[in-house]
Amino acid sequence: MGSKEFFNQVASQWDQMRTQFYSDRVRDKAMDVAGVVRGRKAADIGAGSGFLTEGLLRRGLHVVAVDQSPEMLSEMKRKFRAAPVDYRQGVAERLPLADAEVDYALANMYLHHVETPAAAIREMARVLKPGGRLVITDADEHNFEFLRTEHHDRWLGFKREDIKRWFEEAGLKQVQVGSLEETCCVDSQCGSEKASIGIFVASGEK
């Protein structure tokens, strides 16, 4: 089973599952770092069931929600029926967005699921308007192997220096990578192992 199939299966339970992994503070801090402004357009990349989208809508933004899982997008449509959300199915290396389409691109706990993180970051940078901001929150490097099999993680987190380099190689300026001062906590379903992983926040400007 790949990540697409996994997320198709858990779409209806994901909101409840997610609350066990990390708090709403992750979303709030990411939006603060992005400096989101009411009325502008943001892309939620790897949107899942709408964790970031919900926060962006509350702050008055127009949202393009992108996910590879049709079941996750269906779950979002059910939740945000009357909201100004544009739903698009697509993959990390070929985002269904035009060049310079959005003011902000945000991705939460998305990068460790993609095949080629550097290419995914280049794609997110591509869709930003000049002066637009990319903000990614994800896991620091760790060694909890059970997350590969139970959650279909491709990567066991990332070194912050790699993230910084990929942002810069994507042409972004004023790149900063630091601790979000939050953790991602996951219990193994098949044993007694418990993961507690630091979360970083990375930002850069087009």
N, C-alpha and C. Protein backbone atom coordinates (compact mmCIF):
# COMPACT_ATOMS: atom_id res chain seq x y z
N MET A 1 0.84 -1.20 0.00
CA MET A 1 0.00 0.00 0.00
C MET A 1 0.88 1.25 0.00
N GLY A 2 0.57 2.20 -0.88
CA GLY A 2 1.28 3.46 -0.90
C GLY A 2 0.58 4.51 -0.06
N SER A 3 1.15 5.71 -0.01
CA SER A 3 0.57 6.76 0.83
C SER A 3 -0.80 7.19 0.33
N LYS A 4 -1.01 7.19 -1.01
CA LYS A 4 -2.32 7.58 -1.54
C LYS A 4 -3.39 6.63 -1.05
N GLU A 5 -3.11 5.32 -1.13
CA GLU A 5 -4.09 4.33 -0.70
C GLU A 5 -4.33 4.41 0.81
N PHE A 6 -3.24 4.64 1.56
CA PHE A 6 -3.38 4.77 3.01
C PHE A 6 -4.30 5.92 3.37
N PHE A 7 -4.07 7.09 2.76
CA PHE A 7 -4.89 8.25 3.10
C PHE A 7 -6.31 8.14 2.57
N ASN A 8 -6.51 7.44 1.46
CA ASN A 8 -7.87 7.15 1.02
C ASN A 8 -8.62 6.35 2.09
N GLN A 9 -7.92 5.39 2.70
CA GLN A 9 -8.54 4.52 3.69
C GLN A 9 -8.90 5.27 4.98
N VAL A 10 -8.03 6.17 5.40
CA VAL A 10 -8.23 6.80 6.72
C VAL A 10 -8.90 8.17 6.63
N ALA A 11 -9.33 8.58 5.43
CA ALA A 11 -9.83 9.95 5.25
C ALA A 11 -10.93 10.31 6.24
N SER A 12 -11.89 9.42 6.43
CA SER A 12 -13.04 9.76 7.29
C SER A 12 -12.66 9.81 8.76
N GLN A 13 -11.54 9.17 9.13
CA GLN A 13 -11.11 9.19 10.53
C GLN A 13 -9.96 10.16 10.78
N TRP A 14 -9.47 10.83 9.73
CA TRP A 14 -8.21 11.56 9.86
C TRP A 14 -8.29 12.72 10.85
N ASP A 15 -9.40 13.43 10.89
CA ASP A 15 -9.50 14.54 11.83
C ASP A 15 -9.28 14.07 13.26
N GLN A 16 -9.90 12.95 13.62
CA GLN A 16 -9.74 12.43 14.97
C GLN A 16 -8.32 11.90 15.18
N MET A 17 -7.77 11.22 14.19
CA MET A 17 -6.41 10.71 14.30
C MET A 17 -5.41 11.85 14.47
N ARG A 18 -5.59 12.89 13.69
CA ARG A 18 -4.64 14.00 13.68
C ARG A 18 -4.51 14.65 15.05
N THR A 19 -5.62 14.76 15.79
CA THR A 19 -5.56 15.42 17.10
C THR A 19 -4.64 14.68 18.06
N GLN A 20 -4.40 13.40 17.82
CA GLN A 20 -3.49 12.63 18.67
C GLN A 20 -2.02 12.91 18.32
N PHE A 21 -1.79 13.43 17.11
CA PHE A 21 -0.41 13.57 16.62
C PHE A 21 0.19 14.94 16.94
N TYR A 22 -0.58 16.01 16.73
CA TYR A 22 -0.07 17.37 16.97
C TYR A 22 -1.25 18.30 17.18
N SER A 23 -0.97 19.45 17.77
CA SER A 23 -2.03 20.35 18.22
C SER A 23 -2.35 21.42 17.17
N ASP A 24 -3.45 22.13 17.40
CA ASP A 24 -3.83 23.24 16.53
C ASP A 24 -2.80 24.36 16.54
N ARG A 25 -1.95 24.39 17.56
CA ARG A 25 -0.92 25.42 17.62
C ARG A 25 0.03 25.35 16.43
N VAL A 26 0.23 24.15 15.88
CA VAL A 26 1.08 23.99 14.70
C VAL A 26 0.54 24.84 13.56
N ARG A 27 -0.75 24.76 13.35
CA ARG A 27 -1.40 25.54 12.28
C ARG A 27 -1.29 27.04 12.54
N ASP A 28 -1.59 27.44 13.76
CA ASP A 28 -1.58 28.87 14.08
C ASP A 28 -0.20 29.47 13.92
N LYS A 29 0.81 28.74 14.38
CA LYS A 29 2.18 29.24 14.27
C LYS A 29 2.63 29.31 12.81
N ALA A 30 2.23 28.32 12.00
CA ALA A 30 2.60 28.34 10.58
C ALA A 30 2.00 29.54 9.88
N MET A 31 0.74 29.85 10.17
CA MET A 31 0.10 30.99 9.53
C MET A 31 0.72 32.30 10.01
N ASP A 32 1.12 32.34 11.26
CA ASP A 32 1.80 33.54 11.77
C ASP A 32 3.13 33.76 11.05
N VAL A 33 3.88 32.69 10.85
CA VAL A 33 5.16 32.79 10.14
C VAL A 33 4.93 33.25 8.70
N ALA A 34 3.86 32.73 8.07
CA ALA A 34 3.55 33.14 6.70
C ALA A 34 3.11 34.59 6.62
N GLY A 35 2.59 35.12 7.72
CA GLY A 35 2.09 36.49 7.71
C GLY A 35 0.87 36.66 6.82
N VAL A 36 -0.04 35.69 6.89
CA VAL A 36 -1.19 35.68 5.97
C VAL A 36 -2.05 36.92 6.17
N VAL A 37 -2.58 37.42 5.06
CA VAL A 37 -3.40 38.63 5.04
C VAL A 37 -4.77 38.30 4.46
N ARG A 38 -5.80 38.72 5.14
CA ARG A 38 -7.19 38.49 4.72
C ARG A 38 -7.38 38.91 3.26
N GLY A 39 -8.13 38.11 2.52
CA GLY A 39 -8.47 38.43 1.15
C GLY A 39 -7.50 37.91 0.11
N ARG A 40 -6.33 37.43 0.56
CA ARG A 40 -5.35 36.91 -0.39
C ARG A 40 -5.56 35.41 -0.62
N LYS A 41 -4.76 34.85 -1.51
CA LYS A 41 -4.96 33.48 -1.96
C LYS A 41 -3.83 32.59 -1.47
N ALA A 42 -4.21 31.46 -0.87
CA ALA A 42 -3.22 30.53 -0.32
C ALA A 42 -3.46 29.14 -0.87
N ALA A 43 -2.37 28.41 -1.07
CA ALA A 43 -2.46 27.00 -1.45
C ALA A 43 -2.12 26.15 -0.23
N ASP A 44 -2.99 25.21 0.08
CA ASP A 44 -2.75 24.22 1.12
C ASP A 44 -2.30 22.95 0.40
N ILE A 45 -1.00 22.66 0.45
CA ILE A 45 -0.43 21.57 -0.31
C ILE A 45 -0.37 20.31 0.55
N GLY A 46 -0.92 19.21 0.02
CA GLY A 46 -1.07 18.02 0.84
C GLY A 46 -2.11 18.28 1.91
N ALA A 47 -3.27 18.76 1.46
CA ALA A 47 -4.26 19.35 2.37
C ALA A 47 -4.88 18.35 3.32
N GLY A 48 -4.88 17.07 2.97
CA GLY A 48 -5.52 16.09 3.84
C GLY A 48 -6.99 16.39 4.02
N SER A 49 -7.45 16.37 5.27
CA SER A 49 -8.86 16.66 5.55
C SER A 49 -9.09 18.13 5.87
N GLY A 50 -8.06 18.97 5.66
CA GLY A 50 -8.30 20.40 5.76
C GLY A 50 -7.81 21.08 7.01
N PHE A 51 -6.79 20.53 7.65
CA PHE A 51 -6.25 21.13 8.88
C PHE A 51 -5.81 22.57 8.64
N LEU A 52 -4.96 22.80 7.65
CA LEU A 52 -4.52 24.16 7.35
C LEU A 52 -5.63 24.98 6.72
N THR A 53 -6.38 24.36 5.82
CA THR A 53 -7.46 25.08 5.14
C THR A 53 -8.43 25.70 6.13
N GLU A 54 -8.77 24.96 7.17
CA GLU A 54 -9.71 25.48 8.17
C GLU A 54 -9.18 26.76 8.80
N GLY A 55 -7.90 26.77 9.15
CA GLY A 55 -7.31 27.96 9.74
C GLY A 55 -7.23 29.12 8.77
N LEU A 56 -6.88 28.83 7.52
CA LEU A 56 -6.79 29.88 6.50
C LEU A 56 -8.16 30.50 6.23
N LEU A 57 -9.19 29.69 6.20
CA LEU A 57 -10.54 30.21 6.00
C LEU A 57 -10.95 31.12 7.16
N ARG A 58 -10.60 30.73 8.37
CA ARG A 58 -10.94 31.56 9.53
C ARG A 58 -10.27 32.92 9.46
N ARG A 59 -9.11 32.97 8.81
CA ARG A 59 -8.40 34.24 8.68
C ARG A 59 -8.78 34.98 7.40
N GLY A 60 -9.80 34.48 6.69
CA GLY A 60 -10.37 35.23 5.59
C GLY A 60 -9.63 35.10 4.26
N LEU A 61 -8.93 33.99 4.06
CA LEU A 61 -8.23 33.79 2.80
C LEU A 61 -9.04 32.92 1.84
N HIS A 62 -8.75 33.06 0.56
CA HIS A 62 -9.24 32.14 -0.46
C HIS A 62 -8.24 31.00 -0.57
N VAL A 63 -8.72 29.77 -0.61
CA VAL A 63 -7.83 28.62 -0.50
C VAL A 63 -7.94 27.71 -1.71
N VAL A 64 -6.78 27.28 -2.22
CA VAL A 64 -6.69 26.19 -3.16
C VAL A 64 -6.16 24.99 -2.38
N ALA A 65 -6.97 23.95 -2.26
CA ALA A 65 -6.59 22.76 -1.49
C ALA A 65 -6.15 21.67 -2.47
N VAL A 66 -4.91 21.22 -2.33
CA VAL A 66 -4.35 20.22 -3.24
C VAL A 66 -4.02 18.96 -2.45
N ASP A 67 -4.48 17.82 -2.95
CA ASP A 67 -4.13 16.54 -2.34
C ASP A 67 -4.18 15.46 -3.41
N GLN A 68 -3.38 14.41 -3.22
CA GLN A 68 -3.40 13.31 -4.18
C GLN A 68 -4.56 12.35 -3.93
N SER A 69 -5.16 12.40 -2.74
CA SER A 69 -6.20 11.46 -2.34
C SER A 69 -7.60 12.00 -2.65
N PRO A 70 -8.33 11.37 -3.54
CA PRO A 70 -9.70 11.83 -3.81
C PRO A 70 -10.62 11.71 -2.60
N GLU A 71 -10.35 10.73 -1.74
CA GLU A 71 -11.17 10.57 -0.54
C GLU A 71 -10.95 11.71 0.44
N MET A 72 -9.71 12.16 0.56
CA MET A 72 -9.45 13.32 1.43
C MET A 72 -10.13 14.57 0.88
N LEU A 73 -10.07 14.77 -0.42
CA LEU A 73 -10.73 15.94 -1.01
C LEU A 73 -12.25 15.86 -0.80
N SER A 74 -12.81 14.67 -0.91
CA SER A 74 -14.25 14.51 -0.68
C SER A 74 -14.61 14.84 0.77
N GLU A 75 -13.73 14.44 1.68
CA GLU A 75 -13.95 14.75 3.10
C GLU A 75 -13.93 16.26 3.32
N MET A 76 -13.01 16.96 2.66
CA MET A 76 -12.94 18.41 2.77
C MET A 76 -14.19 19.07 2.21
N LYS A 77 -14.65 18.61 1.07
CA LYS A 77 -15.85 19.19 0.45
C LYS A 77 -17.06 19.05 1.37
N ARG A 78 -17.12 17.94 2.09
CA ARG A 78 -18.21 17.73 3.03
C ARG A 78 -18.13 18.72 4.19
N LYS A 79 -16.90 18.98 4.66
CA LYS A 79 -16.70 19.85 5.82
C LYS A 79 -16.89 21.32 5.50
N PHE A 80 -16.43 21.72 4.31
CA PHE A 80 -16.38 23.15 3.98
C PHE A 80 -17.33 23.46 2.81
N ARG A 81 -18.56 23.05 2.93
CA ARG A 81 -19.51 23.11 1.80
C ARG A 81 -19.62 24.49 1.17
N ALA A 82 -19.80 25.52 1.98
CA ALA A 82 -20.07 26.86 1.44
C ALA A 82 -18.84 27.75 1.40
N ALA A 83 -17.68 27.20 1.72
CA ALA A 83 -16.48 28.02 1.84
C ALA A 83 -15.80 28.24 0.48
N PRO A 84 -15.04 29.34 0.35
CA PRO A 84 -14.35 29.64 -0.91
C PRO A 84 -13.08 28.80 -1.07
N VAL A 85 -13.28 27.49 -1.32
CA VAL A 85 -12.17 26.57 -1.49
C VAL A 85 -12.21 25.98 -2.90
N ASP A 86 -11.07 25.99 -3.55
CA ASP A 86 -10.91 25.40 -4.88
C ASP A 86 -10.16 24.08 -4.68
N TYR A 87 -10.83 22.95 -4.94
CA TYR A 87 -10.24 21.63 -4.68
C TYR A 87 -9.58 21.10 -5.94
N ARG A 88 -8.32 20.67 -5.81
CA ARG A 88 -7.60 20.14 -6.96
C ARG A 88 -6.82 18.90 -6.56
N GLN A 89 -6.97 17.86 -7.35
CA GLN A 89 -6.22 16.63 -7.10
C GLN A 89 -4.91 16.68 -7.89
N GLY A 90 -3.81 16.36 -7.22
CA GLY A 90 -2.52 16.40 -7.90
C GLY A 90 -1.42 15.87 -7.01
N VAL A 91 -0.24 15.72 -7.60
CA VAL A 91 0.91 15.15 -6.90
C VAL A 91 1.99 16.20 -6.70
N ALA A 92 2.92 15.88 -5.82
CA ALA A 92 3.91 16.85 -5.36
C ALA A 92 4.76 17.43 -6.47
N GLU A 93 5.18 16.58 -7.41
CA GLU A 93 6.13 17.02 -8.43
C GLU A 93 5.44 17.71 -9.60
N ARG A 94 4.11 17.68 -9.64
CA ARG A 94 3.36 18.34 -10.72
C ARG A 94 2.08 18.95 -10.12
N LEU A 95 2.25 20.02 -9.40
CA LEU A 95 1.09 20.62 -8.74
C LEU A 95 0.13 21.20 -9.77
N PRO A 96 -1.17 21.04 -9.55
CA PRO A 96 -2.18 21.55 -10.48
C PRO A 96 -2.46 23.04 -10.25
N LEU A 97 -1.38 23.82 -10.28
CA LEU A 97 -1.45 25.26 -10.08
C LEU A 97 -0.59 25.94 -11.13
N ALA A 98 -1.02 27.13 -11.54
CA ALA A 98 -0.26 27.89 -12.52
C ALA A 98 0.94 28.56 -11.86
N ASP A 99 1.89 28.96 -12.67
CA ASP A 99 3.00 29.77 -12.17
C ASP A 99 2.45 31.03 -11.50
N ALA A 100 3.02 31.38 -10.37
CA ALA A 100 2.68 32.64 -9.68
C ALA A 100 1.18 32.79 -9.44
N GLU A 101 0.53 31.72 -9.04
CA GLU A 101 -0.93 31.76 -8.84
C GLU A 101 -1.34 32.21 -7.44
N VAL A 102 -0.50 31.96 -6.44
CA VAL A 102 -0.94 32.19 -5.06
C VAL A 102 0.04 33.10 -4.32
N ASP A 103 -0.50 33.73 -3.26
CA ASP A 103 0.32 34.58 -2.40
C ASP A 103 1.09 33.78 -1.36
N TYR A 104 0.52 32.64 -0.95
CA TYR A 104 1.14 31.80 0.06
C TYR A 104 0.98 30.33 -0.34
N ALA A 105 2.01 29.55 -0.03
CA ALA A 105 1.90 28.10 -0.12
C ALA A 105 2.31 27.54 1.23
N LEU A 106 1.44 26.72 1.79
CA LEU A 106 1.71 26.12 3.10
C LEU A 106 1.55 24.61 2.99
N ALA A 107 2.40 23.89 3.71
CA ALA A 107 2.32 22.43 3.74
C ALA A 107 2.68 21.95 5.14
N ASN A 108 1.79 21.15 5.72
CA ASN A 108 2.00 20.63 7.07
C ASN A 108 2.10 19.11 7.03
N MET A 109 3.19 18.58 7.56
CA MET A 109 3.40 17.13 7.64
C MET A 109 3.15 16.44 6.29
N TYR A 110 3.62 17.10 5.27
CA TYR A 110 3.42 16.66 3.89
C TYR A 110 4.71 16.16 3.27
N LEU A 111 5.80 16.86 3.54
CA LEU A 111 7.04 16.62 2.82
C LEU A 111 7.57 15.20 3.05
N HIS A 112 7.37 14.64 4.24
CA HIS A 112 7.93 13.30 4.50
C HIS A 112 7.16 12.20 3.78
N HIS A 113 6.09 12.56 3.09
CA HIS A 113 5.35 11.58 2.29
C HIS A 113 5.70 11.63 0.81
N VAL A 114 6.42 12.65 0.36
CA VAL A 114 6.65 12.80 -1.09
C VAL A 114 7.91 12.04 -1.50
N GLU A 115 7.96 11.69 -2.77
CA GLU A 115 9.09 10.91 -3.27
C GLU A 115 10.37 11.73 -3.34
N THR A 116 10.26 12.97 -3.82
CA THR A 116 11.44 13.81 -4.03
C THR A 116 11.21 15.16 -3.35
N PRO A 117 11.62 15.31 -2.10
CA PRO A 117 11.34 16.54 -1.37
C PRO A 117 11.85 17.81 -2.05
N ALA A 118 13.05 17.79 -2.60
CA ALA A 118 13.60 18.99 -3.24
C ALA A 118 12.73 19.41 -4.42
N ALA A 119 12.26 18.44 -5.21
CA ALA A 119 11.39 18.75 -6.34
C ALA A 119 10.05 19.30 -5.86
N ALA A 120 9.53 18.76 -4.76
CA ALA A 120 8.26 19.26 -4.21
C ALA A 120 8.40 20.71 -3.77
N ILE A 121 9.54 21.05 -3.16
CA ILE A 121 9.75 22.43 -2.73
C ILE A 121 9.87 23.35 -3.95
N ARG A 122 10.55 22.91 -5.00
CA ARG A 122 10.64 23.73 -6.22
C ARG A 122 9.26 23.99 -6.80
N GLU A 123 8.40 22.98 -6.78
CA GLU A 123 7.04 23.15 -7.28
C GLU A 123 6.25 24.15 -6.45
N MET A 124 6.39 24.08 -5.14
CA MET A 124 5.68 25.03 -4.28
C MET A 124 6.20 26.45 -4.49
N ALA A 125 7.49 26.57 -4.72
CA ALA A 125 8.04 27.89 -5.01
C ALA A 125 7.55 28.42 -6.36
N ARG A 126 7.40 27.52 -7.32
CA ARG A 126 6.95 27.92 -8.66
C ARG A 126 5.59 28.60 -8.64
N VAL A 127 4.68 28.13 -7.79
CA VAL A 127 3.31 28.63 -7.83
C VAL A 127 3.13 29.93 -7.06
N LEU A 128 4.20 30.40 -6.40
CA LEU A 128 4.11 31.64 -5.62
C LEU A 128 4.25 32.87 -6.51
N LYS A 129 3.48 33.89 -6.18
CA LYS A 129 3.67 35.19 -6.81
C LYS A 129 4.98 35.81 -6.31
N PRO A 130 5.56 36.74 -7.05
CA PRO A 130 6.72 37.47 -6.52
C PRO A 130 6.38 38.10 -5.17
N GLY A 131 7.23 37.88 -4.19
CA GLY A 131 6.96 38.35 -2.84
C GLY A 131 6.14 37.39 -2.01
N GLY A 132 5.66 36.32 -2.64
CA GLY A 132 4.89 35.32 -1.90
C GLY A 132 5.75 34.50 -0.97
N ARG A 133 5.10 33.82 -0.03
CA ARG A 133 5.86 33.09 1.00
C ARG A 133 5.47 31.62 1.04
N LEU A 134 6.50 30.78 1.16
CA LEU A 134 6.33 29.35 1.37
C LEU A 134 6.63 29.03 2.83
N VAL A 135 5.73 28.28 3.48
CA VAL A 135 5.95 27.85 4.85
C VAL A 135 5.65 26.35 4.94
N ILE A 136 6.63 25.62 5.44
CA ILE A 136 6.49 24.17 5.61
C ILE A 136 6.73 23.82 7.07
N THR A 137 5.83 23.03 7.64
CA THR A 137 6.05 22.44 8.96
C THR A 137 6.13 20.93 8.78
N ASP A 138 7.15 20.33 9.40
CA ASP A 138 7.34 18.89 9.24
C ASP A 138 8.24 18.37 10.36
N ALA A 139 8.53 17.08 10.30
CA ALA A 139 9.25 16.41 11.38
C ALA A 139 10.76 16.56 11.24
N ASP A 140 11.42 16.79 12.36
CA ASP A 140 12.86 16.69 12.40
C ASP A 140 13.28 15.24 12.15
N GLU A 141 14.53 15.07 11.75
CA GLU A 141 15.04 13.72 11.48
C GLU A 141 14.93 12.85 12.73
N HIS A 142 14.50 11.58 12.55
CA HIS A 142 14.30 10.66 13.67
C HIS A 142 14.57 9.24 13.19
N ASN A 143 14.40 8.27 14.07
CA ASN A 143 14.68 6.87 13.71
C ASN A 143 13.53 5.93 14.08
N PHE A 144 12.31 6.43 14.04
CA PHE A 144 11.15 5.60 14.37
C PHE A 144 10.68 4.87 13.10
N GLU A 145 11.27 3.71 12.87
CA GLU A 145 11.03 2.96 11.63
C GLU A 145 9.58 2.52 11.48
N PHE A 146 8.86 2.33 12.58
CA PHE A 146 7.48 1.85 12.46
C PHE A 146 6.59 2.82 11.67
N LEU A 147 7.02 4.09 11.57
CA LEU A 147 6.22 5.05 10.81
C LEU A 147 6.26 4.78 9.31
N ARG A 148 7.29 4.08 8.85
CA ARG A 148 7.33 3.71 7.43
C ARG A 148 6.21 2.72 7.10
N THR A 149 6.02 1.73 7.96
CA THR A 149 5.05 0.68 7.68
C THR A 149 3.63 1.05 8.12
N GLU A 150 3.51 1.71 9.26
CA GLU A 150 2.17 1.98 9.79
C GLU A 150 1.55 3.24 9.20
N HIS A 151 2.38 4.24 8.83
CA HIS A 151 1.85 5.49 8.29
C HIS A 151 2.37 5.80 6.89
N HIS A 152 3.14 4.86 6.34
CA HIS A 152 3.63 4.98 4.97
C HIS A 152 4.46 6.25 4.75
N ASP A 153 5.24 6.61 5.77
CA ASP A 153 6.18 7.72 5.63
C ASP A 153 7.31 7.29 4.71
N ARG A 154 7.65 8.13 3.74
CA ARG A 154 8.79 7.85 2.87
C ARG A 154 10.10 8.25 3.55
N TRP A 155 10.04 9.31 4.34
CA TRP A 155 11.23 9.87 4.98
C TRP A 155 11.02 9.93 6.48
N LEU A 156 12.07 9.59 7.23
CA LEU A 156 12.03 9.69 8.68
C LEU A 156 12.48 11.08 9.09
N GLY A 157 11.66 12.06 8.74
CA GLY A 157 11.96 13.44 9.03
C GLY A 157 13.12 13.95 8.19
N PHE A 158 13.61 15.14 8.55
CA PHE A 158 14.63 15.81 7.74
C PHE A 158 15.62 16.56 8.61
N LYS A 159 16.85 16.67 8.09
CA LYS A 159 17.83 17.58 8.68
C LYS A 159 17.45 19.01 8.28
N ARG A 160 17.51 19.93 9.23
CA ARG A 160 17.11 21.31 8.93
C ARG A 160 18.03 21.96 7.90
N GLU A 161 19.31 21.57 7.90
CA GLU A 161 20.21 22.16 6.91
C GLU A 161 19.85 21.72 5.49
N ASP A 162 19.31 20.51 5.33
CA ASP A 162 18.85 20.07 4.01
C ASP A 162 17.65 20.89 3.55
N ILE A 163 16.72 21.11 4.46
CA ILE A 163 15.54 21.92 4.13
C ILE A 163 15.96 23.32 3.70
N LYS A 164 16.87 23.92 4.44
CA LYS A 164 17.34 25.27 4.12
C LYS A 164 17.97 25.28 2.72
N ARG A 165 18.79 24.29 2.43
CA ARG A 165 19.44 24.24 1.11
C ARG A 165 18.41 24.08 -0.01
N TRP A 166 17.42 23.22 0.20
CA TRP A 166 16.40 23.01 -0.84
C TRP A 166 15.58 24.27 -1.09
N PHE A 167 15.28 25.01 -0.03
CA PHE A 167 14.58 26.29 -0.20
C PHE A 167 15.43 27.25 -1.05
N GLU A 168 16.69 27.35 -0.71
CA GLU A 168 17.57 28.28 -1.42
C GLU A 168 17.76 27.85 -2.87
N GLU A 169 17.89 26.54 -3.10
CA GLU A 169 18.03 26.04 -4.47
C GLU A 169 16.77 26.27 -5.29
N ALA A 170 15.64 26.40 -4.62
CA ALA A 170 14.38 26.70 -5.31
C ALA A 170 14.23 28.18 -5.61
N GLY A 171 15.24 28.98 -5.24
CA GLY A 171 15.23 30.40 -5.55
C GLY A 171 14.58 31.27 -4.50
N LEU A 172 14.33 30.72 -3.33
CA LEU A 172 13.68 31.50 -2.27
C LEU A 172 14.70 32.30 -1.48
N LYS A 173 14.26 33.43 -0.98
CA LYS A 173 15.11 34.34 -0.21
C LYS A 173 14.66 34.39 1.24
N GLN A 174 15.51 35.00 2.08
CA GLN A 174 15.19 35.16 3.51
C GLN A 174 14.73 33.83 4.13
N VAL A 175 15.46 32.78 3.80
CA VAL A 175 15.09 31.44 4.26
C VAL A 175 15.45 31.28 5.73
N GLN A 176 14.49 30.78 6.49
CA GLN A 176 14.71 30.49 7.91
C GLN A 176 14.13 29.13 8.23
N VAL A 177 14.88 28.35 8.99
CA VAL A 177 14.42 27.04 9.45
C VAL A 177 14.71 26.94 10.93
N GLY A 178 13.68 26.70 11.72
CA GLY A 178 13.88 26.62 13.17
C GLY A 178 12.83 25.75 13.82
N SER A 179 12.91 25.64 15.11
CA SER A 179 11.97 24.82 15.86
C SER A 179 10.61 25.51 15.96
N LEU A 180 9.56 24.72 15.81
CA LEU A 180 8.21 25.24 16.03
C LEU A 180 7.86 25.18 17.52
N GLU A 181 8.72 24.54 18.30
CA GLU A 181 8.48 24.32 19.74
C GLU A 181 7.19 23.54 19.97
N GLU A 182 6.98 22.58 19.07
CA GLU A 182 5.87 21.64 19.18
C GLU A 182 6.43 20.25 18.86
N THR A 183 5.68 19.21 19.24
CA THR A 183 6.11 17.85 18.93
C THR A 183 4.99 17.09 18.24
N CYS A 184 5.40 16.10 17.46
CA CYS A 184 4.47 15.14 16.85
C CYS A 184 4.60 13.84 17.64
N CYS A 185 3.49 13.36 18.17
CA CYS A 185 3.50 12.17 19.02
C CYS A 185 2.66 11.08 18.39
N VAL A 186 3.28 9.91 18.17
CA VAL A 186 2.59 8.79 17.51
C VAL A 186 2.91 7.51 18.27
N ASP A 187 1.86 6.74 18.61
CA ASP A 187 2.04 5.44 19.24
C ASP A 187 1.95 4.36 18.17
N SER A 188 2.86 3.39 18.23
CA SER A 188 2.80 2.27 17.31
C SER A 188 1.56 1.43 17.57
N GLN A 189 0.90 1.02 16.50
CA GLN A 189 -0.29 0.16 16.63
C GLN A 189 0.10 -1.29 16.83
N CYS A 190 1.36 -1.62 16.57
CA CYS A 190 1.79 -3.02 16.56
C CYS A 190 2.76 -3.34 17.69
N GLY A 191 2.93 -2.44 18.63
CA GLY A 191 3.88 -2.69 19.72
C GLY A 191 3.81 -1.57 20.73
N SER A 192 4.83 -1.50 21.57
CA SER A 192 4.82 -0.52 22.65
C SER A 192 5.60 0.74 22.32
N GLU A 193 6.12 0.84 21.10
CA GLU A 193 6.96 1.98 20.75
C GLU A 193 6.13 3.25 20.65
N LYS A 194 6.69 4.34 21.18
CA LYS A 194 6.04 5.64 21.14
C LYS A 194 7.02 6.65 20.56
N ALA A 195 6.57 7.39 19.57
CA ALA A 195 7.42 8.39 18.93
C ALA A 195 7.04 9.78 19.42
N SER A 196 8.04 10.56 19.80
CA SER A 196 7.86 11.97 20.11
C SER A 196 8.92 12.72 19.31
N ILE A 197 8.49 13.48 18.31
CA ILE A 197 9.39 14.04 17.31
C ILE A 197 9.22 15.55 17.26
N GLY A 198 10.33 16.27 17.26
CA GLY A 198 10.27 17.71 17.12
C GLY A 198 9.75 18.13 15.75
N ILE A 199 9.09 19.26 15.70
CA ILE A 199 8.56 19.80 14.45
C ILE A 199 9.31 21.09 14.12
N PHE A 200 9.78 21.18 12.88
CA PHE A 200 10.45 22.42 12.44
C PHE A 200 9.48 23.25 11.60
N VAL A 201 9.79 24.53 11.48
CA VAL A 201 9.07 25.39 10.55
C VAL A 201 10.10 26.04 9.64
N ALA A 202 9.85 25.96 8.35
CA ALA A 202 10.74 26.54 7.34
C ALA A 202 9.97 27.56 6.54
N SER A 203 10.60 28.70 6.26
CA SER A 203 9.93 29.75 5.50
C SER A 203 10.89 30.38 4.52
N GLY A 204 10.34 30.89 3.43
CA GLY A 204 11.14 31.60 2.45
C GLY A 204 10.24 32.45 1.57
N GLU A 205 10.84 33.46 0.95
CA GLU A 205 10.09 34.41 0.12
C GLU A 205 10.52 34.30 -1.32
N LYS A 206 9.56 34.40 -2.22
CA LYS A 206 9.82 34.29 -3.66
C LYS A 206 10.56 35.54 -4.15
